Amino acid sequence: MRLAQKHRDYWLRNLKLTAALLTIWFVVTFVVSYFARDLGAFTVLGFPLGFYMGAQGAPLIYVLIIWWYARYMNHLDREYGVSEVDGDE
């Protein structure tokens, strides 16, 4: 019974992280794009914010989402003893 609860806790934390990162992805992909014209009033490095987010900001955030997910899941795998490789960092 204890193993089943530990397994549920692991997946609950995984699902919470996934939901949070998907929310960030949705905001960056759709919400920022929807308001791109309104964001044109703000500039980043001389470019309108809407253009900057589409050209460089969004891809950078996507890479950070992937990095954070991999880092957190490695930590979670070690914490719950399901790491595939013992030397994960």
C-alpha atoms as a PDB file:
ATOM      1  CA  MET A   1       0.000   0.000   0.000  1.00  0.00           C
ATOM      2  CA  ARG A   2       2.838   2.394   0.806  1.00  0.00           C
ATOM      3  CA  LEU A   3       4.362   1.945  -2.658  1.00  0.00           C
ATOM      4  CA  ALA A   4       1.054   2.811  -4.307  1.00  0.00           C
ATOM      5  CA  GLN A   5       0.813   6.073  -2.331  1.00  0.00           C
ATOM      6  CA  LYS A   6       4.420   6.931  -3.179  1.00  0.00           C
ATOM      7  CA  HIS A   7       3.657   6.283  -6.858  1.00  0.00           C
ATOM      8  CA  ARG A   8       0.572   8.548  -6.688  1.00  0.00           C
ATOM      9  CA  ASP A   9       2.584  11.315  -5.004  1.00  0.00           C
ATOM     10  CA  TYR A  10       5.237  11.080  -7.726  1.00  0.00           C
ATOM     11  CA  TRP A  11       2.684  11.386 -10.530  1.00  0.00           C
ATOM     12  CA  LEU A  12       0.770  14.153  -8.766  1.00  0.00           C
ATOM     13  CA  ARG A  13       3.938  16.256  -8.545  1.00  0.00           C
ATOM     14  CA  ASN A  14       4.729  15.417 -12.178  1.00  0.00           C
ATOM     15  CA  LEU A  15       1.241  16.490 -13.289  1.00  0.00           C
ATOM     16  CA  LYS A  16       1.405  19.736 -11.299  1.00  0.00           C
ATOM     17  CA  LEU A  17       4.729  20.629 -12.910  1.00  0.00           C
ATOM     18  CA  THR A  18       3.415  19.722 -16.354  1.00  0.00           C
ATOM     19  CA  ALA A  19       0.299  21.846 -15.836  1.00  0.00           C
ATOM     20  CA  ALA A  20       2.361  24.834 -14.689  1.00  0.00           C
ATOM     21  CA  LEU A  21       4.762  24.594 -17.619  1.00  0.00           C
ATOM     22  CA  LEU A  22       1.920  24.139 -20.112  1.00  0.00           C
ATOM     23  CA  THR A  23       0.272  27.249 -18.690  1.00  0.00           C
ATOM     24  CA  ILE A  24       3.479  29.200 -19.263  1.00  0.00           C
ATOM     25  CA  TRP A  25       3.709  27.751 -22.784  1.00  0.00           C
ATOM     26  CA  PHE A  26       0.085  28.750 -23.515  1.00  0.00           C
ATOM     27  CA  VAL A  27       0.588  32.312 -22.278  1.00  0.00           C
ATOM     28  CA  VAL A  28       3.805  32.774 -24.263  1.00  0.00           C
ATOM     29  CA  THR A  29       2.392  31.197 -27.425  1.00  0.00           C
ATOM     30  CA  PHE A  30      -1.175  32.445 -27.591  1.00  0.00           C
ATOM     31  CA  VAL A  31      -1.758  35.287 -25.144  1.00  0.00           C
ATOM     32  CA  VAL A  32       1.327  37.278 -26.115  1.00  0.00           C
ATOM     33  CA  SER A  33       0.555  36.702 -29.806  1.00  0.00           C
ATOM     34  CA  TYR A  34      -3.051  37.813 -29.329  1.00  0.00           C
ATOM     35  CA  PHE A  35      -1.936  41.080 -27.738  1.00  0.00           C
ATOM     36  CA  ALA A  36       1.045  41.630 -30.085  1.00  0.00           C
ATOM     37  CA  ARG A  37      -0.297  44.908 -31.455  1.00  0.00           C
ATOM     38  CA  ASP A  38      -0.934  46.276 -27.968  1.00  0.00           C
ATOM     39  CA  LEU A  39       2.550  45.194 -26.874  1.00  0.00           C
ATOM     40  CA  GLY A  40       4.043  47.194 -29.748  1.00  0.00           C
ATOM     41  CA  ALA A  41       4.063  50.238 -27.487  1.00  0.00           C
ATOM     42  CA  PHE A  42       6.854  48.619 -25.447  1.00  0.00           C
ATOM     43  CA  THR A  43      10.294  48.088 -26.951  1.00  0.00           C
ATOM     44  CA  VAL A  44      13.034  45.577 -26.204  1.00  0.00           C
ATOM     45  CA  LEU A  45      16.440  46.245 -27.778  1.00  0.00           C
ATOM     46  CA  GLY A  46      14.765  48.669 -30.175  1.00  0.00           C
ATOM     47  CA  PHE A  47      12.113  46.201 -31.381  1.00  0.00           C
ATOM     48  CA  PRO A  48       8.411  46.153 -30.499  1.00  0.00           C
ATOM     49  CA  LEU A  49       7.777  43.659 -27.664  1.00  0.00           C
ATOM     50  CA  GLY A  50       5.315  41.605 -29.751  1.00  0.00           C
ATOM     51  CA  PHE A  51       7.922  41.145 -32.507  1.00  0.00           C
ATOM     52  CA  TYR A  52      10.672  40.411 -29.994  1.00  0.00           C
ATOM     53  CA  MET A  53       8.605  37.743 -28.216  1.00  0.00           C
ATOM     54  CA  GLY A  54       7.819  36.037 -31.520  1.00  0.00           C
ATOM     55  CA  ALA A  55      11.343  36.200 -32.878  1.00  0.00           C
ATOM     56  CA  GLN A  56      13.505  35.566 -29.833  1.00  0.00           C
ATOM     57  CA  GLY A  57      11.600  35.643 -26.570  1.00  0.00           C
ATOM     58  CA  ALA A  58       9.244  32.716 -27.128  1.00  0.00           C
ATOM     59  CA  PRO A  59      11.878  30.254 -28.421  1.00  0.00           C
ATOM     60  CA  LEU A  60      14.107  31.174 -25.487  1.00  0.00           C
ATOM     61  CA  ILE A  61      11.260  30.532 -23.050  1.00  0.00           C
ATOM     62  CA  TYR A  62      10.534  27.176 -24.747  1.00  0.00           C
ATOM     63  CA  VAL A  63      14.146  26.101 -24.225  1.00  0.00           C
ATOM     64  CA  LEU A  64      13.944  27.203 -20.576  1.00  0.00           C
ATOM     65  CA  ILE A  65      10.731  25.184 -20.118  1.00  0.00           C
ATOM     66  CA  ILE A  66      12.440  22.061 -21.469  1.00  0.00           C
ATOM     67  CA  TRP A  67      15.527  22.665 -19.313  1.00  0.00           C
ATOM     68  CA  TRP A  68      13.455  23.202 -16.164  1.00  0.00           C
ATOM     69  CA  TYR A  69      11.303  20.098 -16.790  1.00  0.00           C
ATOM     70  CA  ALA A  70      14.344  17.857 -17.326  1.00  0.00           C
ATOM     71  CA  ARG A  71      16.123  19.281 -14.268  1.00  0.00           C
ATOM     72  CA  TYR A  72      13.098  18.959 -11.995  1.00  0.00           C
ATOM     73  CA  MET A  73      12.217  15.453 -13.210  1.00  0.00           C
ATOM     74  CA  ASN A  74      15.789  14.239 -12.614  1.00  0.00           C
ATOM     75  CA  HIS A  75      15.518  15.577  -9.070  1.00  0.00           C
ATOM     76  CA  LEU A  76      12.076  13.996  -8.615  1.00  0.00           C
ATOM     77  CA  ASP A  77      13.266  10.655 -10.018  1.00  0.00           C
ATOM     78  CA  ARG A  78      16.136  10.550  -7.533  1.00  0.00           C
ATOM     79  CA  GLU A  79      13.854  11.591  -4.663  1.00  0.00           C
ATOM     80  CA  TYR A  80      11.399   8.778  -5.381  1.00  0.00           C
ATOM     81  CA  GLY A  81      14.037   6.207  -6.320  1.00  0.00           C
ATOM     82  CA  VAL A  82      13.028   5.773  -9.958  1.00  0.00           C
ATOM     83  CA  SER A  83      16.149   7.235 -11.561  1.00  0.00           C
ATOM     84  CA  GLU A  84      17.227   5.312 -14.653  1.00  0.00           C
ATOM     85  CA  VAL A  85      20.884   6.278 -14.235  1.00  0.00           C
ATOM     86  CA  ASP A  86      22.562   6.529 -10.837  1.00  0.00           C
ATOM     87  CA  GLY A  87      24.853   9.421 -11.801  1.00  0.00           C
ATOM     88  CA  ASP A  88      22.134  11.877 -12.955  1.00  0.00           C
ATOM     89  CA  GLU A  89      22.794  15.500 -12.156  1.00  0.00           C
END
